[in-house]
């Protein structure tokens, strides 16, 4: 059952990466992010989406590892 879960997770991630790649190729308009008084440099929207997705995937994998509590055995 664990191998099926790994396969399903990999398949979903692969579909997401392919969808981002297709979206990136089709959308090359430049955008800049604005927050309060801060403004970023201009990026193509596909590159910005790819960077944000990569950051989200990395953080999504690291946060459970960093905040997991070790199970203690009571003997």
Protein backbone atom coordinates (compact mmCIF):
# COMPACT_ATOMS: atom_id res chain seq x y z
CA UNK A 1 0.00 0.00 0.00
CA UNK A 2 2.90 2.33 0.70
CA UNK A 3 4.24 1.89 -2.83
CA UNK A 4 0.83 2.83 -4.25
CA UNK A 5 0.82 6.02 -2.16
CA UNK A 6 4.31 6.89 -3.35
CA UNK A 7 3.31 6.23 -6.94
CA UNK A 8 0.20 8.38 -6.62
CA UNK A 9 2.15 11.23 -5.00
CA UNK A 10 4.78 11.10 -7.75
CA UNK A 11 2.11 11.05 -10.43
CA UNK A 12 0.34 14.09 -8.99
CA UNK A 13 3.63 15.97 -8.68
CA UNK A 14 4.57 15.08 -12.27
CA UNK A 15 1.21 16.31 -13.57
CA UNK A 16 1.67 19.56 -11.63
CA UNK A 17 5.16 20.10 -13.06
CA UNK A 18 3.97 19.42 -16.62
CA UNK A 19 1.03 21.81 -16.18
CA UNK A 20 3.35 24.54 -14.88
CA UNK A 21 5.73 23.97 -17.79
CA UNK A 22 2.93 24.28 -20.35
CA UNK A 23 1.54 27.37 -18.63
CA UNK A 24 5.02 28.91 -18.50
CA UNK A 25 5.61 28.41 -22.21
CA UNK A 26 2.26 29.91 -23.17
CA UNK A 27 2.45 32.95 -20.85
CA UNK A 28 5.55 35.05 -21.34
CA UNK A 29 4.11 38.41 -20.27
CA UNK A 30 6.13 40.28 -17.68
CA UNK A 31 4.60 40.89 -14.25
CA UNK A 32 5.83 42.51 -11.07
CA UNK A 33 4.61 41.85 -7.56
CA UNK A 34 3.49 44.74 -5.38
CA UNK A 35 3.02 44.56 -1.62
CA UNK A 36 2.38 47.76 0.35
CA UNK A 37 5.22 50.01 -0.82
CA UNK A 38 7.48 47.23 -2.09
CA UNK A 39 7.65 46.22 -5.73
CA UNK A 40 9.68 43.42 -7.25
CA UNK A 41 11.50 43.42 -10.55
CA UNK A 42 9.55 42.19 -13.55
CA UNK A 43 9.51 38.46 -14.28
CA UNK A 44 7.68 36.41 -16.87
CA UNK A 45 4.56 35.03 -15.17
CA UNK A 46 5.57 31.44 -15.89
CA UNK A 47 8.96 31.83 -14.23
CA UNK A 48 7.36 33.42 -11.19
CA UNK A 49 4.82 30.60 -10.96
CA UNK A 50 7.54 27.97 -11.28
CA UNK A 51 9.64 29.59 -8.54
CA UNK A 52 6.67 29.89 -6.19
CA UNK A 53 5.62 26.30 -6.86
CA UNK A 54 9.14 25.01 -6.24
CA UNK A 55 9.35 26.97 -2.99
CA UNK A 56 5.97 25.58 -1.91
CA UNK A 57 6.95 22.00 -2.69
CA UNK A 58 10.24 22.34 -0.80
CA UNK A 59 8.60 23.95 2.23
CA UNK A 60 5.79 21.41 2.14
CA UNK A 61 8.35 18.63 2.36
CA UNK A 62 10.55 20.26 5.02
CA UNK A 63 8.01 21.63 7.50
CA UNK A 64 6.61 18.25 8.58
CA UNK A 65 10.15 16.96 9.05
CA UNK A 66 11.19 19.97 11.13
CA UNK A 67 8.13 19.99 13.35
CA UNK A 68 7.56 16.27 13.79
CA UNK A 69 7.68 15.06 17.33
CA UNK A 70 9.50 11.90 18.13
CA UNK A 71 7.35 9.10 19.42
CA UNK A 72 8.49 7.88 22.79
CA UNK A 73 7.89 4.38 24.02
CA UNK A 74 6.62 3.88 27.49
CA UNK A 75 8.05 0.80 28.89
